[in-house]
Amino acid sequence: MIYANRHNAGVRLAGLVADFVPAHPLVLALPRGGVPVAAPVAAALGCSLDVLVVRKIGLPWQPEMGVGAIAEGGASVLDEDVLRQLRLDRAALEPVLARERAELDRRVAAYRDGLALSLAGRTVVLVDDGLARGVTARAAVAAAGALGATAVWLAVPVAAPPGRPGLGGVVCDRVICPWQPAGFGAVGQYYRDFAPVPDSEVQELLRAARPC
């Protein structure tokens, strides 16, 4: 299975999420890549689309290697096992954390005018374009719970298979993932078009989403 693009992945995912009929749903995309996936999901559920901003914390010398994540509202996750293996303490990550906090704040301002999320009484459906190590999803789940969500679901088109970091480390009320390939390498290899999503596209999709 190869998705044509993020929108195509979202259309396929939307039918699976809608089958479960979440109560009083709110779809929250993890920007930027999760937003084009989440838009068809929100449309299928007939509910609002918003974002929950999360930033991956990478190694200082290998930014793509996620060892943690931070989310709006103050939630954070660090992979303590990896940090121990690398003999790396939190102090060594502080420059990365400071940079990612600044980018998180910038994105909240850009996508939501800095307004806080109101999740009380909602079933939050978190959507991203895929899951490799799962640290951003874990931070997002923690943030949604702390912000008052009644239930937290996670929906992704593709993820690392069982027995590897990814969905196995995410604890939430429901996980929906149609594809966990045994030869998983990186999320982008399962999309023909995996071009970066610009802020302008995120903002346009959020404006176009139906409010409820």
C-alpha atoms as a PDB file:
ATOM      1  CA  MET A   1       0.000   0.000   0.000  1.00  0.00           C
ATOM      2  CA  ILE A   2       1.377   3.359  -1.088  1.00  0.00           C
ATOM      3  CA  TYR A   3      -0.651   6.526  -0.536  1.00  0.00           C
ATOM      4  CA  ALA A   4      -0.720   9.031  -3.387  1.00  0.00           C
ATOM      5  CA  ASN A   5      -0.410  11.930  -0.945  1.00  0.00           C
ATOM      6  CA  ARG A   6      -1.561  12.998   2.512  1.00  0.00           C
ATOM      7  CA  HIS A   7      -5.070  13.869   1.330  1.00  0.00           C
ATOM      8  CA  ASN A   8      -5.463  10.403  -0.190  1.00  0.00           C
ATOM      9  CA  ALA A   9      -4.280   8.841   3.080  1.00  0.00           C
ATOM     10  CA  GLY A  10      -6.806  10.959   4.976  1.00  0.00           C
ATOM     11  CA  VAL A  11      -9.678   9.847   2.750  1.00  0.00           C
ATOM     12  CA  ARG A  12      -8.804   6.199   3.377  1.00  0.00           C
ATOM     13  CA  LEU A  13      -8.408   6.794   7.097  1.00  0.00           C
ATOM     14  CA  ALA A  14     -11.647   8.782   7.382  1.00  0.00           C
ATOM     15  CA  GLY A  15     -13.880   5.809   6.618  1.00  0.00           C
ATOM     16  CA  LEU A  16     -12.253   3.723   9.338  1.00  0.00           C
ATOM     17  CA  VAL A  17     -12.578   6.446  11.967  1.00  0.00           C
ATOM     18  CA  ALA A  18     -16.203   7.168  11.029  1.00  0.00           C
ATOM     19  CA  ASP A  19     -17.081   3.477  11.537  1.00  0.00           C
ATOM     20  CA  PHE A  20     -16.507   3.916  15.277  1.00  0.00           C
ATOM     21  CA  VAL A  21     -18.759   7.011  15.633  1.00  0.00           C
ATOM     22  CA  PRO A  22     -16.913   8.949  18.357  1.00  0.00           C
ATOM     23  CA  ALA A  23     -19.131  10.940  20.745  1.00  0.00           C
ATOM     24  CA  HIS A  24     -18.924  14.762  20.382  1.00  0.00           C
ATOM     25  CA  PRO A  25     -15.731  14.532  18.324  1.00  0.00           C
ATOM     26  CA  LEU A  26     -13.054  17.095  17.630  1.00  0.00           C
ATOM     27  CA  VAL A  27     -10.296  16.268  15.156  1.00  0.00           C
ATOM     28  CA  LEU A  28      -6.898  17.631  16.113  1.00  0.00           C
ATOM     29  CA  ALA A  29      -4.121  17.394  13.560  1.00  0.00           C
ATOM     30  CA  LEU A  30      -0.450  17.319  14.452  1.00  0.00           C
ATOM     31  CA  PRO A  31       0.958  20.018  12.183  1.00  0.00           C
ATOM     32  CA  ARG A  32       2.159  20.380   9.714  1.00  0.00           C
ATOM     33  CA  GLY A  33       1.997  17.004   7.974  1.00  0.00           C
ATOM     34  CA  GLY A  34      -1.028  15.772   9.873  1.00  0.00           C
ATOM     35  CA  VAL A  35      -3.327  18.574   8.714  1.00  0.00           C
ATOM     36  CA  PRO A  36      -3.983  17.397   5.111  1.00  0.00           C
ATOM     37  CA  VAL A  37      -4.614  13.903   6.510  1.00  0.00           C
ATOM     38  CA  ALA A  38      -6.969  15.182   9.195  1.00  0.00           C
ATOM     39  CA  ALA A  39      -9.131  17.384   6.954  1.00  0.00           C
ATOM     40  CA  PRO A  40     -10.999  14.448   5.303  1.00  0.00           C
ATOM     41  CA  VAL A  41     -11.373  12.784   8.712  1.00  0.00           C
ATOM     42  CA  ALA A  42     -13.060  15.878  10.153  1.00  0.00           C
ATOM     43  CA  ALA A  43     -15.272  16.145   7.071  1.00  0.00           C
ATOM     44  CA  ALA A  44     -16.363  12.500   7.403  1.00  0.00           C
ATOM     45  CA  LEU A  45     -17.241  13.023  11.070  1.00  0.00           C
ATOM     46  CA  GLY A  46     -18.940  16.363  10.373  1.00  0.00           C
ATOM     47  CA  CYS A  47     -16.930  18.058  13.077  1.00  0.00           C
ATOM     48  CA  SER A  48     -14.398  20.816  13.632  1.00  0.00           C
ATOM     49  CA  LEU A  49     -10.751  20.576  12.661  1.00  0.00           C
ATOM     50  CA  ASP A  50      -8.056  22.201  14.751  1.00  0.00           C
ATOM     51  CA  VAL A  51      -4.415  21.553  15.554  1.00  0.00           C
ATOM     52  CA  LEU A  52      -2.541  20.374  18.594  1.00  0.00           C
ATOM     53  CA  VAL A  53       0.982  21.669  18.143  1.00  0.00           C
ATOM     54  CA  VAL A  54       3.729  19.194  18.984  1.00  0.00           C
ATOM     55  CA  ARG A  55       7.448  19.445  18.300  1.00  0.00           C
ATOM     56  CA  LYS A  56       9.870  16.548  18.117  1.00  0.00           C
ATOM     57  CA  ILE A  57      13.051  16.780  20.187  1.00  0.00           C
ATOM     58  CA  GLY A  58      15.933  15.387  18.187  1.00  0.00           C
ATOM     59  CA  LEU A  59      19.502  14.645  19.133  1.00  0.00           C
ATOM     60  CA  PRO A  60      21.776  17.703  18.937  1.00  0.00           C
ATOM     61  CA  TRP A  61      23.940  15.947  16.327  1.00  0.00           C
ATOM     62  CA  GLN A  62      21.101  14.049  14.589  1.00  0.00           C
ATOM     63  CA  PRO A  63      17.913  16.171  14.582  1.00  0.00           C
ATOM     64  CA  GLU A  64      15.822  13.523  12.774  1.00  0.00           C
ATOM     65  CA  MET A  65      16.395  11.008  15.588  1.00  0.00           C
ATOM     66  CA  GLY A  66      13.487  11.783  17.912  1.00  0.00           C
ATOM     67  CA  VAL A  67      14.247  11.194  21.579  1.00  0.00           C
ATOM     68  CA  GLY A  68      11.333  13.209  22.906  1.00  0.00           C
ATOM     69  CA  ALA A  69       8.626  15.722  22.137  1.00  0.00           C
ATOM     70  CA  ILE A  70       6.911  18.746  23.627  1.00  0.00           C
ATOM     71  CA  ALA A  71       3.305  19.837  23.136  1.00  0.00           C
ATOM     72  CA  GLU A  72       1.316  22.964  23.793  1.00  0.00           C
ATOM     73  CA  GLY A  73      -0.006  23.145  27.314  1.00  0.00           C
ATOM     74  CA  GLY A  74       3.360  22.049  28.694  1.00  0.00           C
ATOM     75  CA  ALA A  75       3.215  18.280  28.071  1.00  0.00           C
ATOM     76  CA  SER A  76       6.562  16.668  27.327  1.00  0.00           C
ATOM     77  CA  VAL A  77       7.910  13.172  26.727  1.00  0.00           C
ATOM     78  CA  LEU A  78      11.504  11.980  26.722  1.00  0.00           C
ATOM     79  CA  ASP A  79      12.679   8.499  25.759  1.00  0.00           C
ATOM     80  CA  GLU A  80      14.624   7.768  28.920  1.00  0.00           C
ATOM     81  CA  ASP A  81      15.893   4.400  27.627  1.00  0.00           C
ATOM     82  CA  VAL A  82      17.531   6.006  24.602  1.00  0.00           C
ATOM     83  CA  LEU A  83      18.971   8.823  26.711  1.00  0.00           C
ATOM     84  CA  ARG A  84      20.502   6.280  29.098  1.00  0.00           C
ATOM     85  CA  GLN A  85      21.971   4.285  26.227  1.00  0.00           C
ATOM     86  CA  LEU A  86      23.545   7.442  24.823  1.00  0.00           C
ATOM     87  CA  ARG A  87      24.585   8.683  28.290  1.00  0.00           C
ATOM     88  CA  LEU A  88      22.806  11.918  27.536  1.00  0.00           C
ATOM     89  CA  ASP A  89      21.140  14.036  30.218  1.00  0.00           C
ATOM     90  CA  ARG A  90      18.401  16.637  29.871  1.00  0.00           C
ATOM     91  CA  ALA A  91      20.881  19.497  30.200  1.00  0.00           C
ATOM     92  CA  ALA A  92      22.477  18.465  26.903  1.00  0.00           C
ATOM     93  CA  LEU A  93      19.076  18.815  25.227  1.00  0.00           C
ATOM     94  CA  GLU A  94      18.306  22.291  26.579  1.00  0.00           C
ATOM     95  CA  PRO A  95      19.424  24.172  23.430  1.00  0.00           C
ATOM     96  CA  VAL A  96      17.183  21.909  21.334  1.00  0.00           C
ATOM     97  CA  LEU A  97      14.302  22.265  23.805  1.00  0.00           C
ATOM     98  CA  ALA A  98      14.581  26.056  23.788  1.00  0.00           C
ATOM     99  CA  ARG A  99      14.587  26.185  19.995  1.00  0.00           C
ATOM    100  CA  GLU A 100      11.596  23.841  19.702  1.00  0.00           C
ATOM    101  CA  ARG A 101       9.608  25.714  22.383  1.00  0.00           C
ATOM    102  CA  ALA A 102      10.065  28.903  20.359  1.00  0.00           C
ATOM    103  CA  GLU A 103       8.883  27.162  17.173  1.00  0.00           C
ATOM    104  CA  LEU A 104       5.922  25.623  19.038  1.00  0.00           C
ATOM    105  CA  ASP A 105       4.846  29.066  20.241  1.00  0.00           C
ATOM    106  CA  ARG A 106       5.244  30.479  16.719  1.00  0.00           C
ATOM    107  CA  ARG A 107       3.006  27.777  15.254  1.00  0.00           C
ATOM    108  CA  VAL A 108       0.306  28.189  17.905  1.00  0.00           C
ATOM    109  CA  ALA A 109       0.223  31.898  17.077  1.00  0.00           C
ATOM    110  CA  ALA A 110       0.219  31.255  13.320  1.00  0.00           C
ATOM    111  CA  TYR A 111      -2.457  28.563  13.288  1.00  0.00           C
ATOM    112  CA  ARG A 112      -4.743  29.596  16.142  1.00  0.00           C
ATOM    113  CA  ASP A 113      -3.851  33.214  16.891  1.00  0.00           C
ATOM    114  CA  GLY A 114      -2.390  31.996  20.169  1.00  0.00           C
ATOM    115  CA  LEU A 115      -5.779  30.885  21.526  1.00  0.00           C
ATOM    116  CA  ALA A 116      -5.875  27.970  23.964  1.00  0.00           C
ATOM    117  CA  LEU A 117      -7.682  24.744  23.096  1.00  0.00           C
ATOM    118  CA  SER A 118     -10.944  23.886  24.854  1.00  0.00           C
ATOM    119  CA  LEU A 119     -11.307  20.097  24.937  1.00  0.00           C
ATOM    120  CA  ALA A 120     -13.680  19.533  27.860  1.00  0.00           C
ATOM    121  CA  GLY A 121     -16.392  17.010  27.017  1.00  0.00           C
ATOM    122  CA  ARG A 122     -14.897  16.141  23.618  1.00  0.00           C
ATOM    123  CA  THR A 123     -13.652  12.904  22.126  1.00  0.00           C
ATOM    124  CA  VAL A 124     -10.407  14.108  20.603  1.00  0.00           C
ATOM    125  CA  VAL A 125      -9.219  12.305  17.483  1.00  0.00           C
ATOM    126  CA  LEU A 126      -5.508  13.013  17.039  1.00  0.00           C
ATOM    127  CA  VAL A 127      -4.334  12.615  13.437  1.00  0.00           C
ATOM    128  CA  ASP A 128      -0.829  12.541  11.984  1.00  0.00           C
ATOM    129  CA  ASP A 129       0.598  11.383   8.655  1.00  0.00           C
ATOM    130  CA  GLY A 130       2.393   8.425  10.252  1.00  0.00           C
ATOM    131  CA  LEU A 131       4.231   7.158  13.274  1.00  0.00           C
ATOM    132  CA  ALA A 132       7.826   5.968  13.487  1.00  0.00           C
ATOM    133  CA  ARG A 133       9.065   6.203  17.079  1.00  0.00           C
ATOM    134  CA  GLY A 134       5.822   7.538  18.554  1.00  0.00           C
ATOM    135  CA  VAL A 135       7.259  10.266  20.782  1.00  0.00           C
ATOM    136  CA  THR A 136       5.205  13.065  19.211  1.00  0.00           C
ATOM    137  CA  ALA A 137       2.018  11.010  19.514  1.00  0.00           C
ATOM    138  CA  ARG A 138       2.745  10.270  23.176  1.00  0.00           C
ATOM    139  CA  ALA A 139       3.211  13.974  23.893  1.00  0.00           C
ATOM    140  CA  ALA A 140       0.015  14.819  21.998  1.00  0.00           C
ATOM    141  CA  VAL A 141      -2.021  12.233  23.928  1.00  0.00           C
ATOM    142  CA  ALA A 142      -0.667  13.577  27.219  1.00  0.00           C
ATOM    143  CA  ALA A 143      -1.479  17.141  26.185  1.00  0.00           C
ATOM    144  CA  ALA A 144      -5.031  16.308  25.102  1.00  0.00           C
ATOM    145  CA  GLY A 145      -5.715  14.548  28.393  1.00  0.00           C
ATOM    146  CA  ALA A 146      -4.281  17.426  30.408  1.00  0.00           C
ATOM    147  CA  LEU A 147      -6.442  19.874  28.456  1.00  0.00           C
ATOM    148  CA  GLY A 148      -9.610  18.071  29.529  1.00  0.00           C
ATOM    149  CA  ALA A 149     -10.547  15.683  26.702  1.00  0.00           C
ATOM    150  CA  THR A 150     -13.116  13.073  27.742  1.00  0.00           C
ATOM    151  CA  ALA A 151     -11.484  10.477  25.491  1.00  0.00           C
ATOM    152  CA  VAL A 152      -8.401  10.523  23.275  1.00  0.00           C
ATOM    153  CA  TRP A 153      -8.135   8.538  20.041  1.00  0.00           C
ATOM    154  CA  LEU A 154      -5.152   8.318  17.715  1.00  0.00           C
ATOM    155  CA  ALA A 155      -5.590   7.795  13.964  1.00  0.00           C
ATOM    156  CA  VAL A 156      -2.668   7.442  11.552  1.00  0.00           C
ATOM    157  CA  PRO A 157      -2.427   5.933   8.055  1.00  0.00           C
ATOM    158  CA  VAL A 158       0.816   4.039   8.687  1.00  0.00           C
ATOM    159  CA  ALA A 159       3.047   3.171  11.633  1.00  0.00           C
ATOM    160  CA  ALA A 160       5.936   0.980  12.658  1.00  0.00           C
ATOM    161  CA  PRO A 161       4.839  -2.628  13.280  1.00  0.00           C
ATOM    162  CA  PRO A 162       4.177  -4.184  16.703  1.00  0.00           C
ATOM    163  CA  GLY A 163       7.310  -4.868  18.677  1.00  0.00           C
ATOM    164  CA  ARG A 164       9.001  -1.652  17.569  1.00  0.00           C
ATOM    165  CA  PRO A 165       8.787   1.881  18.961  1.00  0.00           C
ATOM    166  CA  GLY A 166       5.699   3.604  17.667  1.00  0.00           C
ATOM    167  CA  LEU A 167       2.124   2.673  18.471  1.00  0.00           C
ATOM    168  CA  GLY A 168       3.280   0.293  21.194  1.00  0.00           C
ATOM    169  CA  GLY A 169       4.348   3.210  23.363  1.00  0.00           C
ATOM    170  CA  VAL A 170       1.118   5.169  22.936  1.00  0.00           C
ATOM    171  CA  VAL A 171      -1.572   4.697  25.577  1.00  0.00           C
ATOM    172  CA  CYS A 172      -4.963   6.152  24.656  1.00  0.00           C
ATOM    173  CA  ASP A 173      -8.618   5.154  24.400  1.00  0.00           C
ATOM    174  CA  ARG A 174      -8.515   3.929  20.792  1.00  0.00           C
ATOM    175  CA  VAL A 175      -5.874   3.533  18.090  1.00  0.00           C
ATOM    176  CA  ILE A 176      -6.827   3.337  14.406  1.00  0.00           C
ATOM    177  CA  CYS A 177      -4.040   2.441  11.991  1.00  0.00           C
ATOM    178  CA  PRO A 178      -4.751   0.471   8.811  1.00  0.00           C
ATOM    179  CA  TRP A 179      -1.153  -0.353   7.943  1.00  0.00           C
ATOM    180  CA  GLN A 180       1.833  -1.446  10.025  1.00  0.00           C
ATOM    181  CA  PRO A 181       4.289  -2.838   7.442  1.00  0.00           C
ATOM    182  CA  ALA A 182       6.944  -5.274   8.607  1.00  0.00           C
ATOM    183  CA  GLY A 183       9.654  -3.502   6.634  1.00  0.00           C
ATOM    184  CA  PHE A 184       8.864  -0.070   8.034  1.00  0.00           C
ATOM    185  CA  GLY A 185      11.657   2.434   7.545  1.00  0.00           C
ATOM    186  CA  ALA A 186      10.366   5.995   7.452  1.00  0.00           C
ATOM    187  CA  VAL A 187       6.884   7.469   7.078  1.00  0.00           C
ATOM    188  CA  GLY A 188       7.699   9.185   3.801  1.00  0.00           C
ATOM    189  CA  GLN A 189       8.447   5.939   1.960  1.00  0.00           C
ATOM    190  CA  TYR A 190       4.723   5.083   2.047  1.00  0.00           C
ATOM    191  CA  TYR A 191       3.687   8.203   0.112  1.00  0.00           C
ATOM    192  CA  ARG A 192       4.337   8.996  -3.536  1.00  0.00           C
ATOM    193  CA  ASP A 193       4.075  12.705  -2.706  1.00  0.00           C
ATOM    194  CA  PHE A 194       5.464  13.541   0.722  1.00  0.00           C
ATOM    195  CA  ALA A 195       6.440  17.147   0.090  1.00  0.00           C
ATOM    196  CA  PRO A 196       6.676  19.440   3.120  1.00  0.00           C
ATOM    197  CA  VAL A 197       3.404  21.140   4.051  1.00  0.00           C
ATOM    198  CA  PRO A 198       3.738  24.949   4.219  1.00  0.00           C
ATOM    199  CA  ASP A 199       2.088  27.125   6.851  1.00  0.00           C
ATOM    200  CA  SER A 200      -0.155  28.611   4.159  1.00  0.00           C
ATOM    201  CA  GLU A 201      -1.690  25.196   3.385  1.00  0.00           C
ATOM    202  CA  VAL A 202      -2.270  24.497   7.084  1.00  0.00           C
ATOM    203  CA  GLN A 203      -4.006  27.845   7.524  1.00  0.00           C
ATOM    204  CA  GLU A 204      -6.152  27.356   4.406  1.00  0.00           C
ATOM    205  CA  LEU A 205      -7.307  23.887   5.504  1.00  0.00           C
ATOM    206  CA  LEU A 206      -8.161  25.145   8.991  1.00  0.00           C
ATOM    207  CA  ARG A 207     -10.174  28.045   7.566  1.00  0.00           C
ATOM    208  CA  ALA A 208     -12.059  25.726   5.211  1.00  0.00           C
ATOM    209  CA  ALA A 209     -12.954  23.158   7.898  1.00  0.00           C
ATOM    210  CA  ARG A 210     -16.526  23.091   9.125  1.00  0.00           C
ATOM    211  CA  PRO A 211     -16.994  24.558  12.631  1.00  0.00           C
ATOM    212  CA  CYS A 212     -19.269  22.825  15.124  1.00  0.00           C
END
